[in-house]
Protein backbone atom coordinates (compact mmCIF):
# COMPACT_ATOMS: atom_id res chain seq x y z
CA MET A 1 7.64 -16.14 11.62
CA SER A 2 6.23 -19.12 13.48
CA THR A 3 4.79 -21.85 11.39
CA LEU A 4 1.33 -21.67 10.18
CA ASN A 5 -1.40 -24.15 11.51
CA HIS A 6 -3.66 -24.72 8.83
CA ASN A 7 -6.85 -25.75 11.12
CA ASN A 8 -9.42 -23.44 10.21
CA LEU A 9 -6.90 -20.98 8.90
CA ASN A 10 -8.46 -20.56 5.29
CA ASN A 11 -11.84 -19.30 6.72
CA ARG A 12 -10.02 -16.65 8.80
CA PRO A 13 -9.93 -12.89 7.56
CA VAL A 14 -7.11 -11.12 5.76
CA GLY A 15 -6.28 -7.53 7.66
CA PHE A 16 -5.23 -4.61 5.36
CA PHE A 17 -3.56 -1.50 7.05
CA ASP A 18 -2.83 2.08 5.66
CA SER A 19 -2.72 5.66 6.93
CA GLY A 20 -5.77 6.53 5.48
CA VAL A 21 -7.99 5.89 2.34
CA GLY A 22 -4.52 5.32 0.04
CA GLY A 23 -4.69 1.30 1.00
CA LEU A 24 -8.07 0.88 -0.67
CA SER A 25 -6.31 1.10 -3.69
CA VAL A 26 -4.71 -2.34 -2.58
CA TYR A 27 -7.68 -3.40 -0.78
CA ALA A 28 -10.19 -2.78 -4.03
CA ARG A 29 -8.10 -5.18 -6.07
CA PHE A 30 -7.95 -8.03 -3.27
CA LYS A 31 -11.65 -8.03 -3.01
CA HIS A 32 -12.14 -8.14 -6.69
CA LEU A 33 -9.70 -10.75 -7.52
CA LEU A 34 -10.69 -13.01 -4.25
CA PRO A 35 -14.33 -11.90 -3.29
CA VAL A 36 -14.62 -14.94 -1.09
CA GLU A 37 -11.88 -13.89 1.04
CA ASN A 38 -12.90 -12.34 4.58
CA THR A 39 -11.14 -8.94 5.02
CA LEU A 40 -10.69 -6.36 7.63
CA TYR A 41 -9.27 -2.91 6.92
CA TYR A 42 -7.76 -0.31 9.37
CA GLY A 43 -7.24 3.23 8.45
CA ASP A 44 -4.64 4.91 11.05
CA LEU A 45 -6.17 8.55 10.62
CA ALA A 46 -4.71 9.29 14.17
CA HIS A 47 -1.33 9.36 12.82
CA MET A 48 -1.96 10.18 8.99
CA PRO A 49 0.07 11.33 7.07
CA TYR A 50 2.93 8.61 7.69
CA GLY A 51 5.32 10.28 5.41
CA ASP A 52 6.88 12.65 7.92
CA LYS A 53 6.91 10.19 10.58
CA THR A 54 10.30 8.78 12.11
CA LYS A 55 11.00 4.91 12.06
CA GLU A 56 10.67 4.56 15.52
CA GLU A 57 6.93 5.86 15.14
CA LEU A 58 6.48 3.93 11.89
CA VAL A 59 7.43 0.89 14.07
CA SER A 60 5.06 1.61 16.92
CA TYR A 61 1.96 2.32 14.81
CA ALA A 62 2.58 -1.04 13.29
CA ARG A 63 2.80 -3.01 16.01
CA THR A 64 -0.46 -1.41 17.47
CA ILE A 65 -2.12 -2.28 14.44
CA LEU A 66 -0.54 -6.17 14.36
CA ASP A 67 -1.43 -6.56 17.89
CA PHE A 68 -5.12 -5.54 17.15
CA TYR A 69 -5.18 -7.94 14.15
CA LYS A 70 -3.81 -10.70 16.47
CA LEU A 71 -6.53 -10.48 18.69
CA LYS A 72 -8.98 -10.50 15.59
CA GLY A 73 -7.44 -13.95 14.64
CA VAL A 74 -6.27 -13.06 11.17
CA LYS A 75 -4.55 -15.59 8.80
CA ALA A 76 -2.26 -12.77 7.06
CA VAL A 77 -1.83 -8.95 7.26
CA VAL A 78 -1.45 -6.90 4.19
CA ILE A 79 0.93 -3.71 4.61
CA ALA A 80 -1.10 -1.61 2.14
CA CYS A 81 1.16 1.21 2.55
CA ASN A 82 4.84 1.98 1.16
CA THR A 83 6.28 3.81 3.87
CA SER A 84 5.24 1.19 6.71
CA SER A 85 6.42 -1.16 4.34
CA ALA A 86 10.10 0.74 3.91
CA GLN A 87 10.20 1.73 7.68
CA ALA A 88 8.85 -0.97 9.57
CA TYR A 89 8.36 -4.32 7.93
CA ASP A 90 11.99 -5.45 8.54
CA ILE A 91 11.73 -4.79 12.24
CA ILE A 92 8.41 -6.53 12.80
CA LYS A 93 8.17 -9.45 10.18
CA GLU A 94 9.22 -11.89 12.71
CA GLU A 95 7.41 -10.95 15.66
CA TYR A 96 3.93 -12.43 14.56
CA GLY A 97 2.28 -15.99 14.17
CA PHE A 98 0.76 -15.04 10.77
CA LYS A 99 2.35 -13.79 7.38
CA ILE A 100 2.71 -10.36 6.89
CA TYR A 101 3.04 -8.88 2.88
CA PRO A 102 4.82 -5.59 2.42
CA ILE A 103 4.07 -3.97 -0.68
CA ILE A 104 7.36 -3.09 -1.64
CA GLN A 105 9.36 -6.39 -0.81
CA SER A 106 6.44 -8.29 -2.65
CA CYS A 107 6.53 -6.20 -6.02
CA ALA A 108 10.01 -5.61 -6.32
CA LYS A 109 11.23 -8.65 -8.33
CA VAL A 110 8.35 -8.12 -10.55
CA ILE A 111 9.07 -4.71 -11.69
CA ALA A 112 12.81 -5.17 -11.77
CA SER A 113 12.48 -8.05 -14.09
CA MET A 114 10.76 -5.55 -16.63
CA LYS A 115 12.66 -4.89 -19.67
CA VAL A 116 13.79 -1.36 -18.48
CA ASN A 117 16.90 0.39 -17.21
CA ARG A 118 15.91 3.47 -15.42
CA ILE A 119 13.01 3.46 -13.04
CA GLY A 120 11.69 6.42 -11.20
CA VAL A 121 9.94 6.19 -7.78
CA PHE A 122 7.60 8.69 -6.50
CA ALA A 123 7.23 8.13 -2.59
CA THR A 124 6.82 9.65 0.66
CA GLN A 125 9.90 11.58 2.30
CA ALA A 126 10.53 8.31 4.69
CA THR A 127 9.84 5.91 2.36
CA VAL A 128 12.87 7.57 -0.21
CA ASN A 129 14.60 8.32 3.18
CA SER A 130 14.84 4.31 3.56
CA GLY A 131 15.86 3.94 0.05
CA ALA A 132 13.77 0.93 0.12
CA TYR A 133 12.90 0.63 -3.44
CA LYS A 134 16.40 1.12 -4.80
CA LYS A 135 17.52 -1.44 -2.42
CA GLU A 136 15.01 -3.96 -3.18
CA LEU A 137 14.70 -3.53 -7.05
CA MET A 138 18.62 -3.85 -7.19
CA LYS A 139 18.69 -6.87 -5.34
CA TYR A 140 17.02 -8.59 -8.69
CA ASN A 141 18.65 -6.18 -11.14
CA SER A 142 21.71 -4.69 -10.30
CA VAL A 143 22.63 -2.75 -12.79
CA LEU A 144 18.67 -0.43 -13.01
CA GLU A 145 19.09 3.14 -12.18
CA VAL A 146 16.69 4.07 -9.86
CA CYS A 147 15.73 7.76 -8.95
CA GLU A 148 13.53 8.16 -5.74
CA LEU A 149 12.10 11.50 -5.69
CA ALA A 150 9.83 12.69 -2.15
CA CYS A 151 6.41 14.11 -2.86
CA PRO A 152 5.08 15.19 0.70
CA ASP A 153 2.53 17.26 -0.74
CA TRP A 154 0.69 14.45 -2.64
CA VAL A 155 -1.01 12.54 0.29
CA PRO A 156 -2.62 15.48 1.42
CA ILE A 157 -4.35 16.05 -1.88
CA VAL A 158 -5.81 12.75 -1.79
CA GLU A 159 -7.07 12.72 1.54
CA SER A 160 -8.66 16.08 0.95
CA GLY A 161 -10.03 15.28 -2.43
CA ASN A 162 -8.69 18.72 -3.49
CA TYR A 163 -7.63 17.67 -7.09
CA ASP A 164 -8.79 20.56 -9.03
CA ASN A 165 -7.32 23.41 -7.16
CA PRO A 166 -4.15 25.05 -8.68
CA GLU A 167 -2.05 24.38 -5.98
CA SER A 168 -2.76 20.77 -6.35
CA ILE A 169 -2.09 20.71 -9.94
CA ALA A 170 1.08 22.72 -9.70
CA ALA A 171 2.16 20.43 -6.84
CA VAL A 172 1.94 17.22 -9.00
CA GLU A 173 3.20 19.18 -12.29
CA MET A 174 6.43 20.28 -10.03
CA HIS A 175 7.34 16.63 -8.97
CA VAL A 176 6.61 15.10 -12.57
CA GLU A 177 8.74 17.95 -14.37
CA GLU A 178 11.34 17.01 -11.98
CA MET A 179 11.54 13.14 -12.52
CA LEU A 180 11.31 13.51 -16.30
CA LYS A 181 14.63 15.02 -15.97
CA PHE A 182 15.96 12.05 -15.32
CA ALA A 183 14.27 10.22 -18.19
CA PRO A 184 12.91 7.32 -16.67
CA ASP A 185 11.78 4.11 -18.48
CA LYS A 186 9.08 3.60 -16.05
CA ILE A 187 7.85 5.42 -12.79
CA ILE A 188 6.82 3.43 -9.61
CA LEU A 189 3.49 4.90 -7.76
CA GLY A 190 5.38 4.16 -4.45
CA CYS A 191 2.50 5.34 -2.20
CA THR A 192 -0.93 3.69 -2.15
CA HIS A 193 -2.58 7.07 -2.23
CA TYR A 194 -0.63 8.14 -5.59
CA PRO A 195 -3.02 6.17 -8.17
CA TYR A 196 -5.53 8.39 -7.19
CA LEU A 197 -3.81 11.27 -8.73
CA MET A 198 -3.60 9.65 -12.16
CA SER A 199 -6.00 12.25 -13.88
CA LEU A 200 -3.40 14.72 -12.77
CA LEU A 201 -0.32 12.95 -13.57
CA THR A 202 -1.42 12.12 -16.81
CA LYS A 203 -1.46 16.04 -17.78
CA PHE A 204 2.13 15.88 -17.65
CA ALA A 205 3.06 12.55 -18.86
CA PRO A 206 1.64 9.19 -20.48
CA LYS A 207 -0.15 7.04 -18.64
CA GLU A 208 1.85 3.93 -19.63
CA LEU A 209 4.70 5.63 -18.01
CA PHE A 210 3.32 4.72 -14.61
CA ILE A 211 3.45 1.64 -12.59
CA ASP A 212 0.59 1.00 -9.93
CA PRO A 213 2.18 -1.97 -7.65
CA ALA A 214 -1.38 -2.73 -6.45
CA LYS A 215 -2.18 -5.00 -9.27
CA ILE A 216 1.41 -6.78 -9.02
CA PHE A 217 0.77 -7.02 -5.22
CA VAL A 218 -2.43 -8.54 -4.97
CA GLU A 219 -1.37 -10.96 -7.61
CA TYR A 220 1.80 -11.80 -5.75
CA ILE A 221 -0.52 -12.50 -2.39
CA LYS A 222 -3.08 -14.58 -4.66
CA ASN A 223 -0.15 -16.65 -5.79
CA ASP A 224 1.24 -16.99 -2.17
CA PHE A 225 -1.80 -18.00 -0.64
CA GLU A 226 -2.31 -20.95 -2.99
CA SER A 227 0.94 -21.91 -2.49
CA LEU A 228 0.72 -21.93 1.34
CA GLY A 229 -2.93 -23.63 1.14
CA LEU A 230 -4.52 -20.57 2.75
CA LEU A 231 -7.12 -19.06 0.21
CA ASN A 232 -10.61 -19.44 1.32
CA ASN A 233 -12.47 -22.27 -0.09
CA SER A 234 -15.87 -20.83 0.32
CA GLN A 235 -18.71 -20.55 -2.10
CA THR A 236 -20.14 -16.91 -1.05
CA ALA A 237 -18.88 -13.62 -0.95
CA GLY A 238 -16.72 -12.82 2.01
CA TYR A 239 -17.31 -10.33 5.06
CA GLU A 240 -15.60 -7.04 5.24
CA LYS A 241 -15.14 -4.71 8.34
CA MET A 242 -13.53 -1.41 8.51
CA PHE A 243 -11.77 -0.03 11.43
CA VAL A 244 -10.24 3.78 11.87
CA SER A 245 -8.09 4.93 14.74
CA ALA A 246 -10.16 8.33 14.76
CA ASN A 247 -12.23 10.58 12.46
CA PRO A 248 -14.60 7.48 10.83
CA GLU A 249 -16.84 10.17 9.25
CA SER A 250 -13.52 11.62 7.56
CA PHE A 251 -12.78 8.23 6.31
CA THR A 252 -16.08 7.41 5.18
CA GLU A 253 -16.48 10.90 3.06
CA HIS A 254 -12.98 10.51 1.35
CA SER A 255 -13.11 6.78 0.82
CA LYS A 256 -16.11 7.07 -1.56
CA ILE A 257 -14.28 7.90 -4.77
CA PHE A 258 -12.02 4.60 -3.99
CA TYR A 259 -14.06 2.20 -2.62
CA GLU A 260 -17.84 1.71 -1.91
CA LEU A 261 -18.11 1.34 1.76
CA HIS A 262 -21.01 -0.83 3.25
CA LYS A 263 -21.37 0.76 6.72
CA THR A 264 -19.48 3.59 8.81
CA PRO A 265 -15.99 2.03 10.07
CA GLU A 266 -15.68 1.25 13.76
CA LEU A 267 -12.92 2.99 16.07
CA ALA A 268 -10.53 0.35 16.60
């Protein structure tokens, strides 16, 4: 990454992106923690879900979004998507003149320092294929046992809002039962969509078992902003703008239970 120029950087917006509404779990926590920051959010609905895409496709999508944010003059971009963090970040991290925060790599040190021996990870197929969680966690704790399990049917449940039908409940139960055979001390919800399934997950396992990385992630970003002198010093609430690559009405509809949008997103 090129050297940051701090002239007027503080007031520039922070960009977020995900394949759909899932990244709003990170975005909402960030807005709560740092309400004066100006923010942009990009939902890549044209290519959703990301979990079944190739590495090459995911890198291409990430570059398109980062190029968009470069034109918007952002001071940082938050990859609020585990799949992009796993498959694209290492390729694109040095290509832009602003700080890029990937959720997996940013959270791994904190999670690895927890007093646990066995960690499970629920994630998309692409994230599991990358082995990113295991690799990053074991950088900081080489004796951890990590079990990564792909749950490809979970993102469509969240994006459709079909939480109560028998097929959705069965899909969640199947993967939880499979993971419990590993006897994990904690289970990372390794996709930003998955915390929205908590009401289903807790039918089959106690809530304390699950880790939502979003809270750890936004605190990491806040601390890094402080150390880099990037915090917005405004006294008023920051603006926000939402963008999508397709289907703004769908995004608006499915975001309602996650975050209150103030206006319909623009097509990027």
